[in-house]
């Protein structure tokens, strides 16, 4: 068989390229330290590697979320610990001024310190971490609290009313009434020719800005509801009955000067500092939006009842006539209209109130309209539960809240849905701001019995704060444990992926040396053979 120069050259080139290709592949693996650099290297292995990479990406995101949650909770825990220190100091002050032997000047000195501690506590309640206010619910971009004025009174008929107070004062203002009466803007009819004309009743009141040493007398005109305290105004809720004070109940010295104002002497008001909660809450009822021709008024309303973890969208799929009997088809969606679930509701023929009840997960929606009126098909309602929690996903389907509803921890006053004005947050003596506000009022106006009651109230407030702190501490432990689990899971996944994807360095270096030697041998032998010629033998 005759071997031509062309066939020799072709074989040499083929062998060199084959060896060079394997050599370059080993170089790529050496540079990346990876055995699999493209799907063609190992299709099955690459599929497993991509699965691990996706899982690792999720785990790394959960790790980042957990670290963020840990930082938020650590900041919250620090704020609550500092608040506990402030309350402990306030308790010490309350014990000091709760005795009969303490002078008025001593109480005023303590009151000055209490006001500073109150301001510091307000700053802690407005703690900002990384641009987010931790105690404002989901309204994280604005402070949770604003300082203002509130009312303390021992008159049970006046407690918890929606007082609207404007202005500022650097000391507690006392207000008392010289005459009994009902403060109601509807009692005075301005038209004397009206058959039901009622001129109303003028009410005389007094106020003191120096702890009861001096008083200023003013008159509230019939039909008026605003008390003017020279720099501070109080809008009294309508239909509020006030009782006149009895001067004989106040404690006086030998010179006739008042030394102690009775807290139960008629309708006595103490205007003192307080904190207004401006953040979110989770209180019922949820809000309901209407989209369509249905409009709320005195005869049309829509109300939701129940516990709804997410927004619920409801759509009437056919027209419904109130009180007509039969059934109506409607649908609801828990994912903002992406998917819908269709069901039916009964239209009761004996429904004299004109109420259509639509059942949805978590509760129901009542649509109220006059009997005989038709709700058009396509009408939609959206139930929006009030939510203050901002959750962070720390594992698949597992969320932890990092913000707080401040009024549930610090209390204060806030305006609920439908209220004409602010009222004290629930919690009794666990309403920290109100407890401390009352303490300031008693320290600045002198009733030692009030200071004594404040001691027990501050103790209970401290217990409530410790409970809140323990709840945050529990979340911190949970996040810390979750970080450990996620890190262990991440390391395990990385190791498993490495066994598939990474190159064996010892094997790779051995192969590189072999391929380099083979390539050099091919080059040398090929050049020697190609240089052979018949002329060398002539």
Protein backbone atom coordinates (compact mmCIF):
# COMPACT_ATOMS: atom_id res chain seq x y z
CA UNK A 1 0.00 0.00 0.00
CA UNK A 2 1.40 3.35 -1.05
CA UNK A 3 1.27 6.10 1.57
CA UNK A 4 1.17 9.48 -0.03
CA UNK A 5 2.40 12.72 1.44
CA UNK A 6 -1.18 14.03 1.47
CA UNK A 7 -2.54 11.15 3.56
CA UNK A 8 0.40 11.46 5.92
CA UNK A 9 -0.22 15.18 6.34
CA UNK A 10 -3.95 14.62 6.89
CA UNK A 11 -3.30 12.01 9.58
CA UNK A 12 -0.74 14.20 11.30
CA UNK A 13 -3.13 17.16 11.40
CA UNK A 14 -6.05 15.03 12.62
CA UNK A 15 -4.00 13.55 15.43
CA UNK A 16 -2.60 16.94 16.43
CA UNK A 17 -6.05 18.59 16.50
CA UNK A 18 -7.55 15.72 18.47
CA UNK A 19 -4.77 15.86 21.03
CA UNK A 20 -4.83 19.67 21.11
CA UNK A 21 -8.62 19.68 21.64
CA UNK A 22 -8.30 17.36 24.63
CA UNK A 23 -5.39 19.44 25.90
CA UNK A 24 -7.40 22.69 25.62
CA UNK A 25 -10.39 21.10 27.35
CA UNK A 26 -8.15 20.20 30.26
CA UNK A 27 -6.83 23.78 30.27
CA UNK A 28 -10.41 25.12 30.49
CA UNK A 29 -11.11 22.81 33.41
CA UNK A 30 -7.88 23.94 35.03
CA UNK A 31 -8.84 27.60 34.67
CA UNK A 32 -12.42 27.14 36.00
CA UNK A 33 -11.63 24.31 38.41
CA UNK A 34 -14.86 22.78 37.11
CA UNK A 35 -15.32 19.40 35.51
CA UNK A 36 -18.58 20.54 33.86
CA UNK A 37 -18.38 23.84 31.99
CA UNK A 38 -21.12 23.28 29.42
CA UNK A 39 -24.10 20.93 29.08
CA UNK A 40 -22.27 18.76 26.55
CA UNK A 41 -19.61 17.93 29.14
CA UNK A 42 -22.13 15.90 31.18
CA UNK A 43 -25.83 16.48 30.36
CA UNK A 44 -27.13 14.58 33.40
CA UNK A 45 -24.58 16.16 35.70
CA UNK A 46 -25.35 19.66 34.38
CA UNK A 47 -29.08 19.15 35.08
CA UNK A 48 -28.29 18.23 38.67
CA UNK A 49 -25.90 21.18 38.99
CA UNK A 50 -28.57 23.63 37.75
CA UNK A 51 -31.02 22.23 40.29
CA UNK A 52 -28.49 22.73 43.07
CA UNK A 53 -27.70 26.26 41.86
CA UNK A 54 -31.40 27.19 41.95
CA UNK A 55 -31.79 25.74 45.42
CA UNK A 56 -28.65 27.53 46.62
CA UNK A 57 -29.93 30.85 45.25
CA UNK A 58 -33.15 30.45 47.26
CA UNK A 59 -31.22 29.44 50.36
CA UNK A 60 -28.90 32.46 50.01
CA UNK A 61 -31.94 34.74 49.69
CA UNK A 62 -33.45 33.24 52.84
CA UNK A 63 -30.10 33.71 54.57
CA UNK A 64 -30.05 37.39 53.57
CA UNK A 65 -33.68 37.80 54.72
CA UNK A 66 -32.91 36.11 58.03
CA UNK A 67 -29.91 38.36 58.60
CA UNK A 68 -32.06 41.42 57.87
CA UNK A 69 -34.79 40.15 60.20
CA UNK A 70 -32.19 39.50 62.90
CA UNK A 71 -30.92 43.08 62.57
CA UNK A 72 -34.47 44.51 62.76
CA UNK A 73 -35.32 42.41 65.81
CA UNK A 74 -32.02 43.26 67.53
CA UNK A 75 -32.79 46.97 67.09
CA UNK A 76 -36.33 46.43 68.41
CA UNK A 77 -35.00 44.47 71.39
CA UNK A 78 -32.49 47.22 72.17
CA UNK A 79 -35.22 49.89 72.06
CA UNK A 80 -37.47 47.89 74.40
CA UNK A 81 -34.61 47.27 76.83
CA UNK A 82 -33.89 51.00 76.96
CA UNK A 83 -37.61 51.64 77.46
CA UNK A 84 -37.54 49.22 80.42
CA UNK A 85 -34.72 51.25 81.94
CA UNK A 86 -36.76 54.44 81.56
CA UNK A 87 -39.79 52.84 83.20
CA UNK A 88 -37.64 51.64 86.09
CA UNK A 89 -36.45 55.23 86.61
CA UNK A 90 -40.04 56.48 86.45
CA UNK A 91 -41.09 53.90 89.01
CA UNK A 92 -38.37 55.19 91.32
CA UNK A 93 -39.65 58.76 90.88
CA UNK A 94 -43.23 57.66 91.46
CA UNK A 95 -42.23 56.02 94.76
CA UNK A 96 -40.47 59.22 95.84
CA UNK A 97 -43.46 61.50 95.27
CA UNK A 98 -46.18 59.11 96.50
CA UNK A 99 -45.87 60.18 100.15
CA UNK A 100 -47.57 62.95 102.09
CA UNK A 101 -44.20 64.28 103.32
CA UNK A 102 -43.05 65.32 99.83
CA UNK A 103 -43.49 69.05 99.19
CA UNK A 104 -45.08 70.60 96.14
CA UNK A 105 -41.66 71.81 94.99
CA UNK A 106 -40.29 68.28 95.27
CA UNK A 107 -43.11 66.98 93.09
CA UNK A 108 -42.54 69.71 90.51
CA UNK A 109 -38.84 68.85 90.38
CA UNK A 110 -39.73 65.20 89.85
CA UNK A 111 -42.32 66.19 87.23
CA UNK A 112 -39.63 68.05 85.27
CA UNK A 113 -37.52 64.87 85.17
CA UNK A 114 -40.57 62.76 84.28
CA UNK A 115 -41.32 64.98 81.28
CA UNK A 116 -37.75 64.47 80.02
CA UNK A 117 -38.06 60.72 80.47
CA UNK A 118 -41.41 60.84 78.67
CA UNK A 119 -39.75 62.56 75.71
CA UNK A 120 -36.97 59.98 75.67
CA UNK A 121 -39.53 57.17 75.69
CA UNK A 122 -41.31 58.86 72.79
CA UNK A 123 -38.02 58.85 70.84
CA UNK A 124 -37.61 55.13 71.52
CA UNK A 125 -41.16 54.47 70.30
CA UNK A 126 -40.13 56.25 67.08
CA UNK A 127 -37.01 54.09 66.64
CA UNK A 128 -35.80 54.15 63.04
CA UNK A 129 -33.70 51.31 61.67
CA UNK A 130 -32.30 51.47 58.15
CA UNK A 131 -35.00 53.97 57.14
CA UNK A 132 -37.88 52.00 58.67
CA UNK A 133 -39.79 52.96 61.82
CA UNK A 134 -40.08 49.75 63.81
CA UNK A 135 -43.23 50.55 65.78
CA UNK A 136 -45.43 52.12 63.09
CA UNK A 137 -46.81 48.95 61.52
CA UNK A 138 -46.56 49.12 57.74
CA UNK A 139 -46.34 52.92 57.77
CA UNK A 140 -42.59 52.55 58.14
CA UNK A 141 -41.71 55.79 56.38
CA UNK A 142 -43.19 58.05 59.08
CA UNK A 143 -42.77 58.16 62.89
CA UNK A 144 -45.11 56.01 64.94
CA UNK A 145 -45.93 58.71 67.49
CA UNK A 146 -46.44 62.44 67.79
CA UNK A 147 -46.52 64.30 71.08
CA UNK A 148 -49.72 66.08 71.99
CA UNK A 149 -52.13 66.69 74.84
CA UNK A 150 -54.57 64.30 76.45
CA UNK A 151 -57.19 64.26 79.21
CA UNK A 152 -57.10 62.56 82.60
CA UNK A 153 -60.29 62.55 84.66
CA UNK A 154 -61.77 60.52 87.48
CA UNK A 155 -65.31 61.22 86.25
CA UNK A 156 -66.37 57.86 84.78
CA UNK A 157 -68.81 59.59 82.44
CA UNK A 158 -65.92 61.49 80.82
CA UNK A 159 -63.34 58.70 80.60
CA UNK A 160 -62.45 57.34 77.16
CA UNK A 161 -64.26 60.09 75.25
CA UNK A 162 -62.85 61.30 71.90
CA UNK A 163 -61.46 64.65 73.10
CA UNK A 164 -59.91 66.82 70.40
CA UNK A 165 -57.18 69.02 71.92
CA UNK A 166 -55.07 71.58 70.11
CA UNK A 167 -52.17 73.64 71.38
CA UNK A 168 -49.30 72.98 73.75
CA UNK A 169 -48.56 73.39 77.44
CA UNK A 170 -45.42 72.95 79.51
CA UNK A 171 -47.40 72.09 82.65
CA UNK A 172 -50.61 70.20 83.38
CA UNK A 173 -53.71 72.39 83.08
CA UNK A 174 -56.62 71.74 85.45
CA UNK A 175 -60.17 72.45 84.32
CA UNK A 176 -63.27 72.35 86.52
CA UNK A 177 -66.87 73.50 86.08
CA UNK A 178 -68.77 75.91 88.26
CA UNK A 179 -72.19 74.81 86.97
CA UNK A 180 -73.78 71.52 85.99
CA UNK A 181 -74.94 71.04 82.43
CA UNK A 182 -74.87 69.16 79.15
CA UNK A 183 -72.49 70.35 76.45
CA UNK A 184 -74.42 69.76 73.23
CA UNK A 185 -74.29 71.86 70.04
CA UNK A 186 -77.87 70.83 69.19
CA UNK A 187 -79.47 72.33 72.30
CA UNK A 188 -79.29 75.90 71.03
CA UNK A 189 -81.60 76.76 68.13
CA UNK A 190 -80.57 80.09 66.68
CA UNK A 191 -84.06 80.87 65.33
CA UNK A 192 -86.25 82.16 68.19
CA UNK A 193 -89.37 81.58 66.03
CA UNK A 194 -88.71 77.85 65.93
CA UNK A 195 -91.41 76.05 67.95
CA UNK A 196 -88.69 73.93 69.51
CA UNK A 197 -86.47 76.91 70.28
CA UNK A 198 -84.21 76.21 73.21
CA UNK A 199 -81.68 78.84 74.20
CA UNK A 200 -79.54 76.17 75.84
CA UNK A 201 -77.49 76.54 78.96
CA UNK A 202 -74.34 78.53 79.50
CA UNK A 203 -71.69 76.64 81.45
CA UNK A 204 -69.08 78.39 83.56
CA UNK A 205 -65.69 76.75 83.86
CA UNK A 206 -62.33 77.55 85.43
CA UNK A 207 -58.82 76.53 84.55
CA UNK A 208 -55.46 76.76 86.27
CA UNK A 209 -51.98 76.52 84.75
CA UNK A 210 -50.07 76.66 88.03
CA UNK A 211 -51.33 73.64 89.91
CA UNK A 212 -54.44 75.30 91.35
CA UNK A 213 -52.86 78.42 92.87
CA UNK A 214 -54.71 80.76 90.54
CA UNK A 215 -57.79 80.20 88.40
CA UNK A 216 -59.21 81.91 85.33
CA UNK A 217 -62.98 81.84 84.85
CA UNK A 218 -64.67 81.66 81.46
CA UNK A 219 -68.12 80.91 80.10
CA UNK A 220 -69.02 78.32 77.48
CA UNK A 221 -71.89 79.72 75.43
CA UNK A 222 -74.97 77.61 74.85
CA UNK A 223 -74.43 75.39 71.84
CA UNK A 224 -70.66 75.84 71.93
CA UNK A 225 -68.43 72.79 72.54
CA UNK A 226 -64.93 74.30 72.66
CA UNK A 227 -63.20 75.20 75.91
CA UNK A 228 -60.67 78.01 75.49
CA UNK A 229 -57.70 77.73 77.86
CA UNK A 230 -55.58 80.50 76.31
CA UNK A 231 -53.22 78.61 74.04
CA UNK A 232 -55.02 75.28 74.37
CA UNK A 233 -58.50 74.43 73.10
CA UNK A 234 -60.57 71.38 74.01
CA UNK A 235 -63.41 70.29 71.76
CA UNK A 236 -65.80 68.50 74.07
CA UNK A 237 -67.71 65.53 72.58
CA UNK A 238 -71.40 66.28 72.01
CA UNK A 239 -73.93 65.35 74.71
CA UNK A 240 -71.29 65.41 77.43
CA UNK A 241 -72.66 66.02 80.92
CA UNK A 242 -70.41 67.84 83.38
CA UNK A 243 -70.84 68.26 87.13
CA UNK A 244 -69.89 71.33 89.15
CA UNK A 245 -67.16 71.13 91.78
CA UNK A 246 -67.59 71.63 95.50
CA UNK A 247 -65.02 74.10 96.91
CA UNK A 248 -65.28 72.48 100.34
CA UNK A 249 -63.71 69.27 99.06
CA UNK A 250 -60.33 70.89 98.28
CA UNK A 251 -57.57 70.85 100.88
CA UNK A 252 -56.45 74.31 102.05
CA UNK A 253 -53.82 75.65 104.43
CA UNK A 254 -54.32 78.03 107.37
CA UNK A 255 -54.28 80.98 104.96
CA UNK A 256 -57.06 79.55 102.82
CA UNK A 257 -54.76 78.63 99.91
CA UNK A 258 -55.59 75.38 98.08
CA UNK A 259 -52.89 72.78 98.75
CA UNK A 260 -54.50 69.73 97.15
CA UNK A 261 -57.14 69.54 94.43
CA UNK A 262 -59.59 66.68 94.80
CA UNK A 263 -59.63 64.51 91.72
CA UNK A 264 -63.24 63.52 92.32
CA UNK A 265 -64.57 67.00 92.97
CA UNK A 266 -67.09 67.24 90.13
CA UNK A 267 -65.89 66.90 86.53
CA UNK A 268 -62.21 67.80 86.92
CA UNK A 269 -60.06 67.58 83.79
CA UNK A 270 -56.27 67.34 83.84
CA UNK A 271 -54.78 68.36 80.48
CA UNK A 272 -51.35 66.72 80.32
CA UNK A 273 -48.93 65.40 77.69
CA UNK A 274 -49.63 62.24 75.75
CA UNK A 275 -48.46 60.37 72.66
CA UNK A 276 -50.65 60.06 69.56
CA UNK A 277 -50.19 56.82 67.65
CA UNK A 278 -50.02 57.51 63.90
CA UNK A 279 -49.12 54.05 62.58
CA UNK A 280 -51.09 51.03 61.39
CA UNK A 281 -53.13 48.67 63.51
CA UNK A 282 -54.77 45.28 63.01
CA UNK A 283 -58.06 46.15 64.67
CA UNK A 284 -61.40 45.17 63.15
CA UNK A 285 -63.43 45.91 61.20
CA UNK A 286 -61.69 45.53 57.84
CA UNK A 287 -62.09 48.19 55.19
CA UNK A 288 -64.32 47.53 52.18
CA UNK A 289 -63.94 49.18 48.77
CA UNK A 290 -66.75 49.20 46.22
CA UNK A 291 -66.21 49.17 42.45
CA UNK A 292 -69.31 49.60 40.33
CA UNK A 293 -72.64 51.42 40.61
CA UNK A 294 -73.16 50.62 44.31
CA UNK A 295 -72.60 53.68 46.49
CA UNK A 296 -72.80 53.88 50.27
CA UNK A 297 -75.13 56.39 51.95
CA UNK A 298 -77.72 56.39 54.73
CA UNK A 299 -79.64 53.46 53.19
CA UNK A 300 -76.77 51.65 51.44
CA UNK A 301 -73.82 50.11 53.25
CA UNK A 302 -71.39 47.23 52.99
CA UNK A 303 -69.66 45.63 55.98
CA UNK A 304 -67.21 42.75 56.38
CA UNK A 305 -66.95 40.51 59.43
CA UNK A 306 -64.31 37.92 60.25
CA UNK A 307 -60.58 37.38 60.20
CA UNK A 308 -59.05 37.87 56.75
CA UNK A 309 -55.31 37.19 56.34
CA UNK A 310 -55.26 38.62 52.78
CA UNK A 311 -57.34 40.94 50.63
CA UNK A 312 -60.51 39.31 49.34
CA UNK A 313 -62.04 40.43 46.03
CA UNK A 314 -65.75 39.63 45.50
CA UNK A 315 -67.62 39.87 42.18
CA UNK A 316 -71.34 39.49 41.46
CA UNK A 317 -71.64 37.28 38.38
CA UNK A 318 -75.34 38.04 37.92
CA UNK A 319 -77.77 40.70 39.02
CA UNK A 320 -79.36 40.35 42.47
CA UNK A 321 -82.64 41.98 43.54
CA UNK A 322 -82.78 42.56 47.28
CA UNK A 323 -85.51 40.54 49.02
CA UNK A 324 -86.60 38.76 45.82
CA UNK A 325 -85.70 35.23 46.95
CA UNK A 326 -83.77 32.63 44.96
CA UNK A 327 -80.00 32.47 44.55
CA UNK A 328 -77.31 34.71 43.13
CA UNK A 329 -74.00 33.55 41.68
CA UNK A 330 -70.85 35.33 42.80
CA UNK A 331 -67.10 34.70 42.76
CA UNK A 332 -64.26 35.57 45.09
CA UNK A 333 -60.50 35.80 44.62
CA UNK A 334 -57.71 35.60 47.19
CA UNK A 335 -54.93 36.57 44.75
CA UNK A 336 -56.17 39.94 43.52
CA UNK A 337 -58.23 38.57 40.65
CA UNK A 338 -55.75 36.07 39.15
CA UNK A 339 -57.94 33.09 40.01
CA UNK A 340 -61.61 33.02 41.03
CA UNK A 341 -63.82 30.62 42.97
CA UNK A 342 -67.51 30.64 42.03
CA UNK A 343 -70.32 29.92 44.49
CA UNK A 344 -73.87 31.01 45.28
CA UNK A 345 -75.71 32.89 48.00
CA UNK A 346 -79.37 32.84 49.00
CA UNK A 347 -81.49 35.93 48.46
CA UNK A 348 -83.96 35.66 51.33
CA UNK A 349 -87.47 36.68 50.38
CA UNK A 350 -88.24 37.65 53.98
CA UNK A 351 -85.17 39.84 54.28
CA UNK A 352 -86.94 43.02 55.29
CA UNK A 353 -83.66 44.75 56.01
CA UNK A 354 -82.42 44.24 52.47
CA UNK A 355 -79.18 42.42 53.36
CA UNK A 356 -77.31 40.11 51.01
CA UNK A 357 -74.71 37.97 52.81
CA UNK A 358 -71.77 36.70 50.73
CA UNK A 359 -69.64 34.01 52.41
CA UNK A 360 -65.88 34.09 51.75
CA UNK A 361 -62.88 32.40 53.43
CA UNK A 362 -62.37 33.95 56.85
CA UNK A 363 -65.81 35.52 57.21
CA UNK A 364 -68.57 37.15 55.21
CA UNK A 365 -69.64 40.38 53.54
CA UNK A 366 -73.03 41.98 54.15
CA UNK A 367 -74.40 44.24 51.42
CA UNK A 368 -77.29 46.39 52.69
CA UNK A 369 -79.72 48.12 50.35
CA UNK A 370 -83.49 48.80 50.23
CA UNK A 371 -85.72 45.84 49.35
CA UNK A 372 -86.49 45.76 45.63
CA UNK A 373 -83.25 47.44 44.59
CA UNK A 374 -81.07 45.51 42.11
CA UNK A 375 -77.34 45.03 42.41
CA UNK A 376 -75.90 44.85 38.91
CA UNK A 377 -73.80 41.99 37.58
CA UNK A 378 -70.09 42.83 37.61
CA UNK A 379 -70.31 44.80 40.85
CA UNK A 380 -67.14 44.18 42.87
CA UNK A 381 -66.14 44.62 46.49
CA UNK A 382 -62.68 44.33 48.01
CA UNK A 383 -62.24 43.43 51.66
CA UNK A 384 -58.99 44.95 52.93
CA UNK A 385 -58.08 43.81 56.45
CA UNK A 386 -56.17 46.32 58.53
CA UNK A 387 -52.63 44.97 58.85
CA UNK A 388 -49.75 46.34 60.89
CA UNK A 389 -47.34 43.43 60.50
CA UNK A 390 -44.57 43.52 57.91
CA UNK A 391 -43.36 39.96 57.38
CA UNK A 392 -40.01 38.73 56.07
CA UNK A 393 -39.80 35.28 54.45
CA UNK A 394 -37.01 33.40 56.24
CA UNK A 395 -37.82 29.98 54.75
CA UNK A 396 -40.17 28.64 52.13
CA UNK A 397 -43.66 29.69 53.24
CA UNK A 398 -42.36 30.80 56.65
CA UNK A 399 -42.65 34.48 57.54
CA UNK A 400 -41.63 36.43 60.63
CA UNK A 401 -42.81 39.94 61.46
CA UNK A 402 -40.16 42.59 62.02
CA UNK A 403 -42.38 45.63 62.57
CA UNK A 404 -44.80 46.21 65.41
CA UNK A 405 -48.09 47.92 66.15
CA UNK A 406 -46.79 50.56 68.54
CA UNK A 407 -50.09 51.13 70.34
CA UNK A 408 -50.14 47.46 71.38
CA UNK A 409 -46.74 47.93 73.07
CA UNK A 410 -46.53 51.56 74.19
CA UNK A 411 -50.21 52.48 74.11
CA UNK A 412 -50.97 56.18 73.88
CA UNK A 413 -54.07 57.50 72.14
CA UNK A 414 -55.21 56.93 68.56
CA UNK A 415 -58.23 57.43 66.34
CA UNK A 416 -60.06 54.17 65.49
CA UNK A 417 -62.08 53.79 62.31
CA UNK A 418 -65.36 55.65 62.66
CA UNK A 419 -64.34 57.56 65.80
CA UNK A 420 -64.81 61.35 65.73
CA UNK A 421 -61.57 61.80 67.67
CA UNK A 422 -58.69 60.09 69.44
CA UNK A 423 -59.30 57.77 72.38
CA UNK A 424 -56.90 55.90 74.70
CA UNK A 425 -55.57 52.67 73.28
CA UNK A 426 -56.72 49.53 75.03
CA UNK A 427 -54.60 47.91 77.70
CA UNK A 428 -55.52 49.70 80.92
CA UNK A 429 -52.41 50.06 83.05
CA UNK A 430 -50.38 48.45 80.26
CA UNK A 431 -50.97 51.56 78.19
CA UNK A 432 -47.51 52.88 79.01
CA UNK A 433 -47.84 56.41 77.67
CA UNK A 434 -51.17 57.00 79.42
CA UNK A 435 -49.83 55.64 82.72
CA UNK A 436 -46.83 57.95 82.54
CA UNK A 437 -48.99 60.88 81.43
CA UNK A 438 -51.20 60.40 84.48
CA UNK A 439 -48.12 60.27 86.70
CA UNK A 440 -46.93 63.59 85.28
CA UNK A 441 -50.39 65.10 85.85
CA UNK A 442 -50.44 64.02 89.50
CA UNK A 443 -46.85 65.21 90.07
CA UNK A 444 -47.66 68.66 88.64
CA UNK A 445 -51.02 69.14 90.38
CA UNK A 446 -50.34 67.64 93.79
CA UNK A 447 -52.79 64.82 94.61
CA UNK A 448 -50.58 62.32 96.45
CA UNK A 449 -53.24 59.60 96.23
CA UNK A 450 -52.92 59.77 92.45
CA UNK A 451 -49.14 59.36 92.69
CA UNK A 452 -49.68 56.33 94.93
CA UNK A 453 -51.98 54.73 92.37
CA UNK A 454 -49.45 55.54 89.66
CA UNK A 455 -46.82 53.41 91.43
CA UNK A 456 -48.90 50.25 90.95
CA UNK A 457 -49.79 51.31 87.41
CA UNK A 458 -46.13 51.81 86.44
CA UNK A 459 -45.29 48.38 87.83
CA UNK A 460 -47.99 46.82 85.66
CA UNK A 461 -46.75 48.82 82.67
CA UNK A 462 -43.26 47.42 83.24
CA UNK A 463 -44.67 43.88 83.26
CA UNK A 464 -46.46 44.55 79.98
CA UNK A 465 -43.28 45.88 78.40
CA UNK A 466 -41.35 42.84 79.61
CA UNK A 467 -43.93 40.63 77.91
CA UNK A 468 -43.44 42.51 74.65
CA UNK A 469 -39.67 42.25 75.04
CA UNK A 470 -39.91 38.50 75.65
CA UNK A 471 -41.97 38.14 72.47
CA UNK A 472 -39.28 39.94 70.47
CA UNK A 473 -36.59 37.84 72.16
CA UNK A 474 -38.42 34.69 71.13
CA UNK A 475 -38.42 35.88 67.53
CA UNK A 476 -34.68 36.57 67.76
CA UNK A 477 -34.02 33.02 68.95
CA UNK A 478 -36.16 31.65 66.15
CA UNK A 479 -34.27 33.65 63.53
CA UNK A 480 -30.92 32.67 65.04
CA UNK A 481 -31.83 28.98 64.90
CA UNK A 482 -33.11 29.43 61.36
CA UNK A 483 -29.79 31.02 60.33
CA UNK A 484 -27.92 28.00 61.70
CA UNK A 485 -30.18 25.59 59.83
CA UNK A 486 -29.96 27.55 56.59
CA UNK A 487 -26.18 27.83 56.79
CA UNK A 488 -25.86 24.08 57.40
CA UNK A 489 -28.24 23.40 54.51
CA UNK A 490 -26.27 25.77 52.29
CA UNK A 491 -22.97 24.06 53.12
CA UNK A 492 -24.48 20.63 52.47
CA UNK A 493 -25.87 21.69 49.09
CA UNK A 494 -22.55 23.27 48.13
CA UNK A 495 -20.67 20.07 48.99
CA UNK A 496 -23.09 17.91 47.01
CA UNK A 497 -22.85 20.18 43.98
CA UNK A 498 -19.07 20.26 44.26
CA UNK A 499 -18.82 16.48 44.01
CA UNK A 500 -20.63 16.66 40.67
CA UNK A 501 -19.29 19.86 39.18
CA UNK A 502 -15.77 20.39 40.48
CA UNK A 503 -12.69 18.84 38.90
CA UNK A 504 -10.32 16.46 40.70
CA UNK A 505 -7.18 18.60 40.81
CA UNK A 506 -4.74 15.71 41.19
CA UNK A 507 -6.30 13.86 38.30
CA UNK A 508 -6.50 17.06 36.23
CA UNK A 509 -2.80 17.93 36.74
CA UNK A 510 -1.75 14.39 35.84
CA UNK A 511 -3.86 14.47 32.70
CA UNK A 512 -2.51 17.90 31.72
CA UNK A 513 1.08 16.63 31.99
CA UNK A 514 0.28 13.57 29.91
CA UNK A 515 -1.54 15.59 27.26
CA UNK A 516 1.24 18.17 27.10
CA UNK A 517 3.89 15.47 26.66
CA UNK A 518 1.79 13.68 24.03
CA UNK A 519 1.21 16.91 22.10
CA UNK A 520 4.91 17.78 22.12
CA UNK A 521 5.77 14.22 20.95
CA UNK A 522 3.31 14.45 18.08
CA UNK A 523 4.71 17.79 17.00
CA UNK A 524 8.32 16.53 17.08
CA UNK A 525 7.69 13.18 15.39
CA UNK A 526 5.45 14.74 12.77
CA UNK A 527 8.02 17.35 11.86
CA UNK A 528 10.76 14.71 11.54
CA UNK A 529 8.66 12.46 9.31
CA UNK A 530 7.44 15.32 7.12
CA UNK A 531 11.04 16.41 6.57
CA UNK A 532 11.97 13.01 5.00
CA UNK A 533 12.63 13.11 1.25
CA UNK A 534 14.19 10.81 -1.50
CA UNK A 535 16.79 13.51 -1.91
CA UNK A 536 18.20 12.51 1.46
CA UNK A 537 19.23 9.17 -0.06
CA UNK A 538 20.78 10.34 -3.35
